[in-house]
């Protein structure tokens, strides 16, 4: 076979090889991201809400608005870390993004509802509120309706820790705690009903036996 003919046969192979050289490897591909929009000045109502939250001495960081599709979003949210009182700091664990509209009544409830009840009924200050989180893209159990968690507008509270080391969980204390602990949990549940549109606890159904569901939805539903 002539040299020129061999050269012609090799050209297609070189072309195929060169076509793969610049193809980006899977490791270099950018992962899919949720939809976010360019930062914009907070809406007037959000600015006022953030101002109110600051006035309540909350420790928080504003979170960028995001839309996840399927009617799920975290818009007008903050990352709430703690609440300062005159003599202590109440830490909050387990929370992801939560709307400012839900954070504001939560801060008031923690400081004036839970902390005061802890001192008056249990004789010790509140130092921590444990939660199961806030944002979760899901429906209300057993329905096709989006949960308040799908818009980060609800918080699930699971337990309270006191300055003397006691930990009072909703699951263990609602029916199984001491008389004082059972009274404390019912008082703080009733206090939440005055601040949130929807408040659900163990007496509502089995799905809430281990937490209080607190939602700022403008409703009037306390169970």
N, C-alpha and C. Protein backbone atom coordinates (compact mmCIF):
# COMPACT_ATOMS: atom_id res chain seq x y z
N UNK A 1 0.87 -1.20 0.00
CA UNK A 1 0.00 0.00 0.00
C UNK A 1 0.89 1.24 0.00
N UNK A 2 0.53 2.19 -0.80
CA UNK A 2 1.36 3.39 -0.92
C UNK A 2 1.27 4.22 0.36
N UNK A 3 2.31 5.02 0.57
CA UNK A 3 2.34 5.88 1.76
C UNK A 3 1.18 6.86 1.77
N UNK A 4 0.89 7.41 0.61
CA UNK A 4 -0.20 8.39 0.53
C UNK A 4 -1.52 7.76 0.89
N UNK A 5 -1.72 6.48 0.44
CA UNK A 5 -3.00 5.83 0.75
C UNK A 5 -3.12 5.54 2.24
N UNK A 6 -1.98 5.12 2.87
CA UNK A 6 -2.00 4.89 4.30
C UNK A 6 -2.34 6.17 5.05
N UNK A 7 -1.80 7.25 4.58
CA UNK A 7 -2.08 8.55 5.22
C UNK A 7 -3.55 8.91 5.15
N UNK A 8 -4.17 8.62 4.00
CA UNK A 8 -5.59 8.92 3.84
C UNK A 8 -6.44 8.06 4.78
N UNK A 9 -6.03 6.80 5.02
CA UNK A 9 -6.79 5.93 5.91
C UNK A 9 -6.67 6.37 7.37
N UNK A 10 -5.54 6.93 7.72
CA UNK A 10 -5.32 7.35 9.11
C UNK A 10 -6.06 8.64 9.45
N UNK A 11 -6.32 9.50 8.48
CA UNK A 11 -6.95 10.80 8.74
C UNK A 11 -8.28 10.69 9.48
N UNK A 12 -9.22 9.79 9.05
CA UNK A 12 -10.50 9.70 9.79
C UNK A 12 -10.30 9.34 11.26
N UNK A 13 -9.31 8.45 11.57
CA UNK A 13 -9.06 8.07 12.95
C UNK A 13 -8.57 9.25 13.77
N UNK A 14 -7.72 10.06 13.15
CA UNK A 14 -7.24 11.26 13.85
C UNK A 14 -8.38 12.22 14.13
N UNK A 15 -9.29 12.33 13.18
CA UNK A 15 -10.42 13.25 13.36
C UNK A 15 -11.30 12.80 14.52
N UNK A 16 -11.55 11.45 14.61
CA UNK A 16 -12.37 10.95 15.70
C UNK A 16 -11.71 11.20 17.05
N UNK A 17 -10.39 10.94 17.08
CA UNK A 17 -9.67 11.15 18.34
C UNK A 17 -9.69 12.59 18.76
N UNK A 18 -9.48 13.50 17.84
CA UNK A 18 -9.46 14.92 18.17
C UNK A 18 -10.81 15.40 18.62
N UNK A 19 -11.89 14.75 18.15
CA UNK A 19 -13.23 15.16 18.56
C UNK A 19 -13.50 14.89 20.01
N UNK A 20 -12.77 14.01 20.69
CA UNK A 20 -12.99 13.69 22.10
C UNK A 20 -12.09 14.49 23.03
N UNK A 21 -11.04 15.07 22.51
CA UNK A 21 -10.05 15.72 23.36
C UNK A 21 -10.64 16.89 24.13
N UNK A 22 -11.45 17.73 23.49
CA UNK A 22 -11.97 18.95 24.13
C UNK A 22 -13.32 18.75 24.78
N UNK A 23 -13.86 17.57 24.75
CA UNK A 23 -15.17 17.34 25.37
C UNK A 23 -15.01 17.39 26.88
N UNK A 24 -15.78 18.20 27.60
CA UNK A 24 -15.58 18.33 29.04
C UNK A 24 -15.89 17.02 29.74
N UNK A 25 -15.08 16.68 30.73
CA UNK A 25 -15.29 15.45 31.48
C UNK A 25 -16.46 15.64 32.44
N UNK A 26 -17.11 14.53 32.85
CA UNK A 26 -18.25 14.66 33.78
C UNK A 26 -17.90 15.41 35.04
N UNK A 27 -16.63 15.27 35.52
CA UNK A 27 -16.26 15.94 36.76
C UNK A 27 -16.28 17.45 36.62
N UNK A 28 -16.14 17.97 35.38
CA UNK A 28 -16.06 19.41 35.20
C UNK A 28 -17.43 20.05 34.96
N UNK A 29 -18.45 19.23 34.79
CA UNK A 29 -19.78 19.80 34.54
C UNK A 29 -20.31 20.46 35.80
N UNK A 30 -20.95 21.58 35.60
CA UNK A 30 -21.53 22.30 36.74
C UNK A 30 -22.78 21.59 37.21
N UNK A 31 -22.96 21.37 38.51
CA UNK A 31 -24.17 20.72 38.99
C UNK A 31 -25.39 21.60 38.77
N UNK A 32 -26.54 20.94 38.63
CA UNK A 32 -27.77 21.70 38.46
C UNK A 32 -28.05 22.50 39.72
N UNK A 33 -28.58 23.69 39.56
CA UNK A 33 -28.80 24.56 40.69
C UNK A 33 -30.25 24.98 40.76
N UNK A 34 -30.65 25.34 41.98
CA UNK A 34 -31.98 25.90 42.12
C UNK A 34 -32.00 27.28 41.50
N UNK A 35 -33.20 27.74 41.24
CA UNK A 35 -33.34 29.04 40.59
C UNK A 35 -33.23 30.15 41.61
N UNK A 36 -32.36 31.09 41.34
CA UNK A 36 -32.28 32.28 42.18
C UNK A 36 -32.33 33.49 41.27
N UNK A 37 -32.72 34.60 41.82
CA UNK A 37 -32.82 35.82 41.04
C UNK A 37 -31.80 36.83 41.56
N UNK A 38 -31.44 37.80 40.74
CA UNK A 38 -30.46 38.79 41.19
C UNK A 38 -30.92 39.47 42.48
N UNK A 39 -30.00 39.73 43.40
CA UNK A 39 -30.38 40.38 44.66
C UNK A 39 -31.12 41.69 44.41
N UNK A 40 -32.13 41.90 45.18
CA UNK A 40 -32.92 43.12 45.06
C UNK A 40 -33.15 43.68 46.46
N UNK A 41 -33.40 44.96 46.57
CA UNK A 41 -33.68 45.53 47.89
C UNK A 41 -34.88 44.84 48.51
N UNK A 42 -34.83 44.56 49.81
CA UNK A 42 -35.96 43.90 50.47
C UNK A 42 -37.25 44.69 50.28
N UNK A 43 -38.33 43.98 50.14
CA UNK A 43 -39.63 44.62 50.04
C UNK A 43 -39.91 45.38 51.34
N UNK A 44 -40.73 46.44 51.28
CA UNK A 44 -40.98 47.23 52.49
C UNK A 44 -41.47 46.39 53.66
N UNK A 45 -42.38 45.44 53.40
CA UNK A 45 -42.89 44.63 54.49
C UNK A 45 -41.81 43.71 55.07
N UNK A 46 -40.89 43.24 54.21
CA UNK A 46 -39.79 42.41 54.70
C UNK A 46 -38.80 43.25 55.50
N UNK A 47 -38.52 44.47 55.04
CA UNK A 47 -37.63 45.35 55.79
C UNK A 47 -38.19 45.61 57.19
N UNK A 48 -39.49 45.83 57.27
CA UNK A 48 -40.11 46.07 58.57
C UNK A 48 -40.04 44.83 59.45
N UNK A 49 -40.26 43.67 58.84
CA UNK A 49 -40.19 42.41 59.59
C UNK A 49 -38.79 42.18 60.13
N UNK A 50 -37.77 42.40 59.30
CA UNK A 50 -36.39 42.22 59.74
C UNK A 50 -36.04 43.20 60.86
N UNK A 51 -36.58 44.41 60.75
CA UNK A 51 -36.37 45.40 61.80
C UNK A 51 -37.00 44.95 63.11
N UNK A 52 -38.21 44.39 63.02
CA UNK A 52 -38.88 43.89 64.23
C UNK A 52 -38.11 42.72 64.84
N UNK A 53 -37.58 41.86 63.97
CA UNK A 53 -36.83 40.70 64.46
C UNK A 53 -35.55 41.15 65.16
N UNK A 54 -34.92 42.17 64.61
CA UNK A 54 -33.72 42.73 65.24
C UNK A 54 -34.06 43.34 66.60
N UNK A 55 -35.18 44.04 66.67
CA UNK A 55 -35.60 44.66 67.92
C UNK A 55 -35.88 43.62 69.00
N UNK A 56 -36.19 42.39 68.59
CA UNK A 56 -36.42 41.31 69.55
C UNK A 56 -35.12 40.63 69.97
N UNK A 57 -34.01 41.22 69.52
CA UNK A 57 -32.67 40.74 69.88
C UNK A 57 -32.41 39.33 69.38
N UNK A 58 -32.94 39.04 68.22
CA UNK A 58 -32.69 37.75 67.59
C UNK A 58 -31.35 37.77 66.87
N UNK A 59 -30.68 36.63 66.87
CA UNK A 59 -29.42 36.47 66.15
C UNK A 59 -29.74 35.70 64.86
N UNK A 60 -29.63 36.38 63.72
CA UNK A 60 -30.05 35.75 62.47
C UNK A 60 -29.25 36.31 61.30
N UNK A 61 -29.34 35.59 60.17
CA UNK A 61 -28.71 36.01 58.94
C UNK A 61 -29.74 35.92 57.81
N UNK A 62 -29.96 37.00 57.05
CA UNK A 62 -30.88 36.90 55.91
C UNK A 62 -30.38 35.86 54.90
N UNK A 63 -31.32 35.17 54.25
CA UNK A 63 -30.99 34.13 53.29
C UNK A 63 -31.47 34.56 51.90
N UNK A 64 -30.68 34.27 50.89
CA UNK A 64 -31.04 34.61 49.52
C UNK A 64 -32.32 33.89 49.10
N UNK A 65 -33.19 34.61 48.40
CA UNK A 65 -34.43 34.01 47.91
C UNK A 65 -34.13 32.91 46.90
N UNK A 66 -34.86 31.80 47.02
CA UNK A 66 -34.72 30.70 46.06
C UNK A 66 -36.07 30.08 45.76
N UNK A 67 -36.20 29.66 44.50
CA UNK A 67 -37.40 28.97 44.03
C UNK A 67 -36.98 27.60 43.52
N UNK A 68 -37.59 26.54 44.07
CA UNK A 68 -37.16 25.19 43.76
C UNK A 68 -38.09 24.47 42.78
N UNK A 69 -39.17 25.10 42.36
CA UNK A 69 -40.14 24.43 41.51
C UNK A 69 -41.11 23.62 42.35
N UNK A 70 -42.17 23.13 41.71
CA UNK A 70 -43.19 22.32 42.39
C UNK A 70 -43.78 23.05 43.59
N UNK A 71 -43.93 24.38 43.47
CA UNK A 71 -44.53 25.22 44.51
C UNK A 71 -43.73 25.20 45.81
N UNK A 72 -42.41 25.04 45.70
CA UNK A 72 -41.55 25.05 46.87
C UNK A 72 -40.55 26.21 46.75
N UNK A 73 -40.35 26.94 47.84
CA UNK A 73 -39.46 28.10 47.79
C UNK A 73 -39.02 28.50 49.19
N UNK A 74 -37.96 29.29 49.23
CA UNK A 74 -37.51 29.93 50.48
C UNK A 74 -37.34 31.42 50.16
N UNK A 75 -38.42 32.16 50.31
CA UNK A 75 -38.47 33.58 49.95
C UNK A 75 -38.72 34.40 51.21
N UNK A 76 -37.91 35.45 51.39
CA UNK A 76 -38.06 36.30 52.58
C UNK A 76 -37.68 35.55 53.85
N UNK A 77 -36.61 34.74 53.76
CA UNK A 77 -36.26 33.89 54.89
C UNK A 77 -34.98 34.37 55.60
N UNK A 78 -34.79 33.82 56.79
CA UNK A 78 -33.58 34.08 57.57
C UNK A 78 -33.11 32.75 58.15
N UNK A 79 -31.84 32.75 58.56
CA UNK A 79 -31.30 31.62 59.33
C UNK A 79 -31.23 32.09 60.77
N UNK A 80 -32.14 31.58 61.59
CA UNK A 80 -32.26 32.00 62.98
C UNK A 80 -31.38 31.11 63.85
N UNK A 81 -30.47 31.73 64.61
CA UNK A 81 -29.51 30.96 65.40
C UNK A 81 -29.75 31.04 66.90
N UNK A 82 -30.20 32.19 67.38
CA UNK A 82 -30.34 32.36 68.83
C UNK A 82 -31.21 33.57 69.13
N UNK A 83 -31.59 33.68 70.40
CA UNK A 83 -32.39 34.80 70.88
C UNK A 83 -31.78 35.29 72.19
N UNK A 84 -31.48 36.56 72.26
CA UNK A 84 -30.88 37.12 73.47
C UNK A 84 -31.95 37.63 74.42
N UNK A 85 -31.76 37.35 75.70
CA UNK A 85 -32.63 37.90 76.74
C UNK A 85 -31.76 38.77 77.65
N UNK A 86 -32.35 39.33 78.68
CA UNK A 86 -31.60 40.22 79.56
C UNK A 86 -30.48 39.48 80.30
N UNK A 87 -30.66 38.19 80.55
CA UNK A 87 -29.66 37.49 81.36
C UNK A 87 -29.11 36.22 80.72
N UNK A 88 -29.57 35.88 79.51
CA UNK A 88 -29.10 34.64 78.90
C UNK A 88 -29.31 34.69 77.40
N UNK A 89 -28.75 33.69 76.72
CA UNK A 89 -28.97 33.52 75.29
C UNK A 89 -29.64 32.17 75.07
N UNK A 90 -30.73 32.18 74.32
CA UNK A 90 -31.46 30.96 73.99
C UNK A 90 -31.03 30.53 72.60
N UNK A 91 -30.33 29.42 72.50
CA UNK A 91 -29.93 28.94 71.18
C UNK A 91 -31.07 28.15 70.54
N UNK A 92 -31.06 28.13 69.22
CA UNK A 92 -32.08 27.41 68.45
C UNK A 92 -31.34 26.48 67.50
N UNK A 93 -31.62 25.19 67.57
CA UNK A 93 -30.90 24.22 66.76
C UNK A 93 -31.83 23.56 65.74
N UNK A 94 -31.23 23.11 64.64
CA UNK A 94 -31.97 22.33 63.65
C UNK A 94 -32.66 23.12 62.57
N UNK A 95 -32.64 24.45 62.66
CA UNK A 95 -33.39 25.25 61.71
C UNK A 95 -32.61 25.49 60.42
N UNK A 96 -33.31 25.38 59.30
CA UNK A 96 -32.80 25.87 58.03
C UNK A 96 -33.43 27.22 57.76
N UNK A 97 -33.60 27.61 56.51
CA UNK A 97 -34.27 28.88 56.21
C UNK A 97 -35.71 28.87 56.75
N UNK A 98 -36.09 29.96 57.35
CA UNK A 98 -37.47 30.11 57.84
C UNK A 98 -37.90 31.54 57.58
N UNK A 99 -39.14 31.74 57.16
CA UNK A 99 -39.60 33.07 56.81
C UNK A 99 -39.47 34.02 58.00
N UNK A 100 -39.22 35.27 57.68
CA UNK A 100 -39.20 36.28 58.73
C UNK A 100 -40.56 36.34 59.41
N UNK A 101 -41.62 36.12 58.64
CA UNK A 101 -42.98 36.17 59.19
C UNK A 101 -43.20 35.10 60.25
N UNK A 102 -42.50 33.97 60.14
CA UNK A 102 -42.60 32.92 61.16
C UNK A 102 -41.57 33.12 62.27
N UNK A 103 -40.42 33.69 61.91
CA UNK A 103 -39.36 33.90 62.90
C UNK A 103 -39.75 34.92 63.96
N UNK A 104 -40.50 35.96 63.56
CA UNK A 104 -40.86 37.02 64.50
C UNK A 104 -41.75 36.51 65.64
N UNK A 105 -42.87 35.82 65.34
CA UNK A 105 -43.65 35.28 66.46
C UNK A 105 -42.91 34.19 67.23
N UNK A 106 -42.03 33.47 66.54
CA UNK A 106 -41.24 32.43 67.22
C UNK A 106 -40.33 33.07 68.27
N UNK A 107 -39.70 34.18 67.91
CA UNK A 107 -38.81 34.88 68.85
C UNK A 107 -39.60 35.37 70.07
N UNK A 108 -40.77 35.93 69.83
CA UNK A 108 -41.60 36.41 70.94
C UNK A 108 -42.06 35.25 71.81
N UNK A 109 -42.45 34.16 71.18
CA UNK A 109 -42.91 32.97 71.91
C UNK A 109 -41.78 32.41 72.79
N UNK A 110 -40.59 32.32 72.24
CA UNK A 110 -39.46 31.76 72.99
C UNK A 110 -39.13 32.62 74.21
N UNK A 111 -39.10 33.93 74.02
CA UNK A 111 -38.68 34.83 75.10
C UNK A 111 -39.76 35.01 76.15
N UNK A 112 -41.01 35.25 75.68
CA UNK A 112 -42.06 35.63 76.62
C UNK A 112 -43.02 34.50 76.96
N UNK A 113 -43.03 33.46 76.14
CA UNK A 113 -43.88 32.31 76.41
C UNK A 113 -43.11 31.18 77.07
N UNK A 114 -42.12 30.66 76.36
CA UNK A 114 -41.41 29.48 76.84
C UNK A 114 -40.48 29.79 78.01
N UNK A 115 -39.66 30.83 77.88
CA UNK A 115 -38.70 31.14 78.94
C UNK A 115 -39.41 31.48 80.25
N UNK A 116 -40.45 32.27 80.17
CA UNK A 116 -41.17 32.63 81.39
C UNK A 116 -41.85 31.42 82.01
N UNK A 117 -42.43 30.56 81.16
CA UNK A 117 -43.07 29.35 81.69
C UNK A 117 -42.04 28.43 82.34
N UNK A 118 -40.86 28.35 81.75
CA UNK A 118 -39.81 27.51 82.32
C UNK A 118 -39.42 28.01 83.71
N UNK A 119 -39.30 29.32 83.87
CA UNK A 119 -38.92 29.88 85.16
C UNK A 119 -40.03 29.71 86.19
N UNK A 120 -41.27 29.98 85.77
CA UNK A 120 -42.39 29.96 86.71
C UNK A 120 -42.81 28.54 87.10
N UNK A 121 -42.74 27.62 86.15
CA UNK A 121 -43.25 26.27 86.42
C UNK A 121 -42.13 25.30 86.80
N UNK A 122 -40.97 25.45 86.18
CA UNK A 122 -39.88 24.48 86.39
C UNK A 122 -38.72 25.05 87.18
N UNK A 123 -38.73 26.36 87.42
CA UNK A 123 -37.71 26.97 88.25
C UNK A 123 -36.35 27.11 87.61
N UNK A 124 -36.30 27.12 86.30
CA UNK A 124 -35.02 27.28 85.61
C UNK A 124 -35.25 27.97 84.28
N UNK A 125 -34.24 28.68 83.81
CA UNK A 125 -34.35 29.42 82.56
C UNK A 125 -34.21 28.50 81.36
N UNK A 126 -34.77 28.93 80.26
CA UNK A 126 -34.63 28.23 78.99
C UNK A 126 -33.29 28.61 78.35
N UNK A 127 -32.52 27.60 77.88
CA UNK A 127 -31.25 27.90 77.22
C UNK A 127 -31.19 27.38 75.79
N UNK A 128 -32.10 26.48 75.43
CA UNK A 128 -32.06 25.95 74.06
C UNK A 128 -33.44 25.44 73.64
N UNK A 129 -33.76 25.70 72.37
CA UNK A 129 -34.94 25.10 71.74
C UNK A 129 -34.44 24.21 70.60
N UNK A 130 -34.81 22.94 70.64
CA UNK A 130 -34.42 22.01 69.59
C UNK A 130 -35.58 21.88 68.59
N UNK A 131 -35.25 21.83 67.31
CA UNK A 131 -36.29 21.71 66.29
C UNK A 131 -35.95 20.60 65.31
N UNK A 132 -36.97 20.18 64.57
CA UNK A 132 -36.78 19.24 63.47
C UNK A 132 -36.62 19.97 62.14
N UNK A 133 -36.57 21.30 62.20
CA UNK A 133 -36.32 22.07 61.00
C UNK A 133 -37.50 22.92 60.58
N UNK A 134 -37.37 23.51 59.41
CA UNK A 134 -38.36 24.45 58.90
C UNK A 134 -38.72 24.12 57.44
N UNK A 135 -37.78 24.36 56.51
CA UNK A 135 -38.09 24.12 55.10
C UNK A 135 -38.03 22.64 54.74
N UNK A 136 -39.08 22.19 54.03
CA UNK A 136 -39.11 20.84 53.46
C UNK A 136 -40.15 20.84 52.35
N UNK A 137 -39.74 20.50 51.15
CA UNK A 137 -40.64 20.52 49.99
C UNK A 137 -41.53 19.28 50.03
N UNK A 138 -42.68 19.41 50.69
CA UNK A 138 -43.58 18.26 50.83
C UNK A 138 -45.01 18.73 51.03
N UNK A 139 -45.92 17.77 50.95
CA UNK A 139 -47.34 18.03 51.16
C UNK A 139 -47.73 17.82 52.62
N UNK A 140 -48.89 18.34 52.98
CA UNK A 140 -49.50 17.97 54.24
C UNK A 140 -49.78 16.47 54.19
N UNK A 141 -49.43 15.75 55.23
CA UNK A 141 -49.57 14.29 55.23
C UNK A 141 -50.98 13.87 54.85
N UNK A 142 -51.06 12.98 53.87
CA UNK A 142 -52.34 12.43 53.45
C UNK A 142 -53.15 13.31 52.53
N UNK A 143 -52.54 14.41 52.03
CA UNK A 143 -53.27 15.32 51.14
C UNK A 143 -52.39 15.66 49.93
N UNK A 144 -52.99 16.39 48.99
CA UNK A 144 -52.24 16.89 47.83
C UNK A 144 -51.91 18.37 48.01
N UNK A 145 -52.12 18.89 49.19
CA UNK A 145 -51.88 20.31 49.48
C UNK A 145 -50.48 20.51 50.05
N UNK A 146 -49.78 21.51 49.57
CA UNK A 146 -48.45 21.80 50.05
C UNK A 146 -48.46 22.20 51.53
N UNK A 147 -47.50 21.66 52.26
CA UNK A 147 -47.33 22.00 53.67
C UNK A 147 -46.76 23.41 53.80
N UNK A 148 -46.95 24.01 54.96
CA UNK A 148 -46.30 25.28 55.25
C UNK A 148 -44.79 25.17 55.22
N UNK A 149 -44.28 23.96 55.41
CA UNK A 149 -42.83 23.74 55.34
C UNK A 149 -42.31 23.94 53.91
N UNK A 150 -43.15 23.77 52.90
CA UNK A 150 -42.71 23.90 51.52
C UNK A 150 -42.34 25.33 51.16
N UNK A 151 -42.78 26.27 51.97
CA UNK A 151 -42.40 27.68 51.78
C UNK A 151 -41.63 28.20 52.98
N UNK A 152 -41.11 27.29 53.81
CA UNK A 152 -40.31 27.65 54.99
C UNK A 152 -41.09 28.53 55.96
N UNK A 153 -42.39 28.34 56.02
CA UNK A 153 -43.23 29.19 56.85
C UNK A 153 -43.69 28.48 58.12
N UNK A 154 -43.06 27.35 58.43
CA UNK A 154 -43.44 26.58 59.62
C UNK A 154 -42.20 26.03 60.30
N UNK A 155 -42.30 25.85 61.61
CA UNK A 155 -41.20 25.32 62.42
C UNK A 155 -41.74 24.16 63.25
N UNK A 156 -40.98 23.07 63.30
CA UNK A 156 -41.34 21.92 64.13
C UNK A 156 -40.43 21.88 65.36
N UNK A 157 -41.00 22.13 66.53
CA UNK A 157 -40.23 22.18 67.78
C UNK A 157 -40.32 20.83 68.48
N UNK A 158 -39.16 20.27 68.83
CA UNK A 158 -39.14 18.92 69.40
C UNK A 158 -38.80 18.88 70.89
N UNK A 159 -38.00 19.83 71.39
CA UNK A 159 -37.60 19.75 72.80
C UNK A 159 -37.08 21.09 73.31
N UNK A 160 -37.01 21.18 74.65
CA UNK A 160 -36.53 22.38 75.33
C UNK A 160 -35.45 21.96 76.35
N UNK A 161 -34.37 22.73 76.40
CA UNK A 161 -33.29 22.45 77.36
C UNK A 161 -33.21 23.62 78.34
N UNK A 162 -33.12 23.30 79.63
CA UNK A 162 -33.11 24.32 80.67
C UNK A 162 -31.70 24.54 81.21
N UNK A 163 -31.54 25.65 81.93
CA UNK A 163 -30.25 26.00 82.46
C UNK A 163 -29.72 25.01 83.48
N UNK A 164 -30.61 24.25 84.13
CA UNK A 164 -30.16 23.26 85.13
C UNK A 164 -29.84 21.92 84.49
N UNK A 165 -29.88 21.87 83.15
CA UNK A 165 -29.51 20.64 82.44
C UNK A 165 -30.68 19.77 82.02
N UNK A 166 -31.86 20.04 82.51
CA UNK A 166 -33.00 19.21 82.13
C UNK A 166 -33.37 19.41 80.65
N UNK A 167 -33.71 18.32 79.99
CA UNK A 167 -34.19 18.36 78.60
C UNK A 167 -35.60 17.80 78.59
N UNK A 168 -36.53 18.62 78.12
CA UNK A 168 -37.94 18.22 78.10
C UNK A 168 -38.38 18.09 76.65
N UNK A 169 -38.61 16.87 76.21
CA UNK A 169 -39.03 16.64 74.83
C UNK A 169 -40.55 16.57 74.76
N UNK A 170 -41.07 16.93 73.62
CA UNK A 170 -42.51 16.83 73.42
C UNK A 170 -42.94 15.37 73.48
N UNK A 171 -42.14 14.49 72.87
CA UNK A 171 -42.48 13.07 72.83
C UNK A 171 -42.50 12.45 74.23
N UNK A 172 -41.47 12.74 75.02
CA UNK A 172 -41.38 12.11 76.33
C UNK A 172 -42.14 12.82 77.42
N UNK A 173 -42.35 14.13 77.25
CA UNK A 173 -42.91 14.91 78.34
C UNK A 173 -44.40 15.17 78.27
N UNK A 174 -44.99 15.11 77.07
CA UNK A 174 -46.41 15.47 76.93
C UNK A 174 -47.31 14.60 77.81
N UNK A 175 -47.08 13.30 77.77
CA UNK A 175 -47.86 12.37 78.59
C UNK A 175 -47.01 11.64 79.63
N UNK A 176 -45.69 11.55 79.38
CA UNK A 176 -44.86 10.74 80.26
C UNK A 176 -43.98 11.52 81.22
N UNK A 177 -44.01 12.82 81.16
CA UNK A 177 -43.16 13.62 82.05
C UNK A 177 -43.77 13.79 83.42
N UNK A 178 -43.07 14.55 84.26
CA UNK A 178 -43.60 14.85 85.60
C UNK A 178 -44.81 15.77 85.45
N UNK A 179 -45.62 15.90 86.50
CA UNK A 179 -46.75 16.83 86.41
C UNK A 179 -46.33 18.24 86.01
N UNK A 180 -45.20 18.70 86.54
CA UNK A 180 -44.73 20.05 86.19
C UNK A 180 -44.33 20.12 84.73
N UNK A 181 -43.67 19.09 84.21
CA UNK A 181 -43.26 19.08 82.81
C UNK A 181 -44.45 19.02 81.88
N UNK A 182 -45.44 18.23 82.25
CA UNK A 182 -46.66 18.15 81.42
C UNK A 182 -47.38 19.50 81.41
N UNK A 183 -47.42 20.16 82.55
CA UNK A 183 -48.05 21.48 82.61
C UNK A 183 -47.28 22.48 81.77
N UNK A 184 -45.94 22.45 81.90
CA UNK A 184 -45.09 23.36 81.13
C UNK A 184 -45.35 23.20 79.62
N UNK A 185 -45.38 21.99 79.12
CA UNK A 185 -45.58 21.77 77.68
C UNK A 185 -46.95 22.25 77.22
N UNK A 186 -47.95 22.09 78.03
CA UNK A 186 -49.30 22.55 77.65
C UNK A 186 -49.40 24.08 77.70
N UNK A 187 -48.70 24.68 78.64
CA UNK A 187 -48.70 26.15 78.72
C UNK A 187 -48.00 26.74 77.50
N UNK A 188 -46.85 26.19 77.12
CA UNK A 188 -46.13 26.76 75.97
C UNK A 188 -46.87 26.44 74.66
N UNK A 189 -47.58 25.32 74.61
CA UNK A 189 -48.41 25.03 73.43
C UNK A 189 -49.52 26.07 73.31
N UNK A 190 -50.20 26.35 74.41
CA UNK A 190 -51.28 27.35 74.40
C UNK A 190 -50.75 28.73 74.07
N UNK A 191 -49.53 29.03 74.55
CA UNK A 191 -48.91 30.31 74.24
C UNK A 191 -48.64 30.43 72.75
N UNK A 192 -48.20 29.34 72.13
CA UNK A 192 -47.95 29.35 70.68
C UNK A 192 -49.23 29.59 69.90
N UNK A 193 -50.34 29.05 70.40
CA UNK A 193 -51.62 29.24 69.71
C UNK A 193 -52.01 30.71 69.61
N UNK A 194 -51.53 31.53 70.54
CA UNK A 194 -51.85 32.95 70.53
C UNK A 194 -50.98 33.74 69.55
N UNK A 195 -49.90 33.12 69.08
CA UNK A 195 -48.95 33.84 68.23
C UNK A 195 -48.89 33.31 66.79
N UNK A 196 -49.28 32.07 66.58
CA UNK A 196 -49.22 31.47 65.26
C UNK A 196 -50.62 31.17 64.73
N UNK A 197 -50.76 31.19 63.42
CA UNK A 197 -52.06 30.88 62.82
C UNK A 197 -52.45 29.44 63.03
N UNK A 198 -51.50 28.53 62.85
CA UNK A 198 -51.74 27.10 63.04
C UNK A 198 -50.73 26.56 64.04
N UNK A 199 -51.23 25.94 65.09
CA UNK A 199 -50.38 25.28 66.09
C UNK A 199 -50.91 23.87 66.30
N UNK A 200 -50.04 22.88 66.08
CA UNK A 200 -50.46 21.48 66.22
C UNK A 200 -49.52 20.78 67.18
N UNK A 201 -50.09 19.88 68.00
CA UNK A 201 -49.29 19.13 68.96
C UNK A 201 -49.73 17.70 69.06
N UNK A 202 -49.30 16.99 70.09
CA UNK A 202 -49.60 15.56 70.22
C UNK A 202 -51.09 15.23 70.26
N UNK A 203 -51.93 16.13 70.75
CA UNK A 203 -53.36 15.84 70.81
C UNK A 203 -54.04 15.95 69.44
N UNK A 204 -53.32 16.45 68.45
CA UNK A 204 -53.92 16.58 67.12
C UNK A 204 -53.95 15.24 66.41
N UNK A 205 -52.79 14.62 66.24
CA UNK A 205 -52.73 13.28 65.65
C UNK A 205 -51.37 12.66 65.95
N UNK A 206 -51.21 11.39 65.56
CA UNK A 206 -49.98 10.65 65.87
C UNK A 206 -48.77 11.24 65.17
N UNK A 207 -48.99 11.90 64.03
CA UNK A 207 -47.87 12.48 63.28
C UNK A 207 -47.21 13.62 64.06
N UNK A 208 -47.90 14.16 65.05
CA UNK A 208 -47.36 15.28 65.83
C UNK A 208 -47.09 14.90 67.28
N UNK A 209 -46.94 13.62 67.55
CA UNK A 209 -46.72 13.19 68.93
C UNK A 209 -45.35 13.61 69.46
N UNK A 210 -44.42 13.93 68.55
CA UNK A 210 -43.06 14.26 68.99
C UNK A 210 -42.66 15.71 68.73
N UNK A 211 -43.61 16.56 68.34
CA UNK A 211 -43.24 17.96 68.10
C UNK A 211 -44.46 18.87 68.07
N UNK A 212 -44.19 20.17 68.20
CA UNK A 212 -45.20 21.20 67.97
C UNK A 212 -44.96 21.76 66.57
N UNK A 213 -46.00 21.81 65.77
CA UNK A 213 -45.94 22.43 64.44
C UNK A 213 -46.44 23.86 64.58
N UNK A 214 -45.57 24.83 64.31
CA UNK A 214 -45.91 26.25 64.45
C UNK A 214 -45.84 26.90 63.07
N UNK A 215 -46.97 27.43 62.62
CA UNK A 215 -47.04 27.96 61.25
C UNK A 215 -47.66 29.36 61.22
N UNK A 216 -47.00 30.27 60.53
CA UNK A 216 -47.50 31.65 60.44
C UNK A 216 -48.33 31.80 59.17
N UNK A 217 -49.53 31.22 59.18
CA UNK A 217 -50.35 31.20 57.97
C UNK A 217 -51.60 32.06 58.06
N UNK A 218 -51.77 32.78 59.16
CA UNK A 218 -52.93 33.66 59.29
C UNK A 218 -54.22 32.93 59.62
N UNK A 219 -54.15 31.63 59.85
CA UNK A 219 -55.34 30.86 60.19
C UNK A 219 -55.64 31.03 61.69
N UNK A 220 -56.59 30.27 62.18
CA UNK A 220 -56.90 30.28 63.61
C UNK A 220 -57.20 28.84 64.01
N UNK A 221 -56.15 28.02 64.00
CA UNK A 221 -56.31 26.59 64.21
C UNK A 221 -55.32 26.13 65.27
N UNK A 222 -55.83 25.73 66.41
CA UNK A 222 -55.00 25.33 67.55
C UNK A 222 -55.47 23.96 68.03
N UNK A 223 -54.59 22.98 67.92
CA UNK A 223 -54.95 21.61 68.34
C UNK A 223 -53.77 20.98 69.09
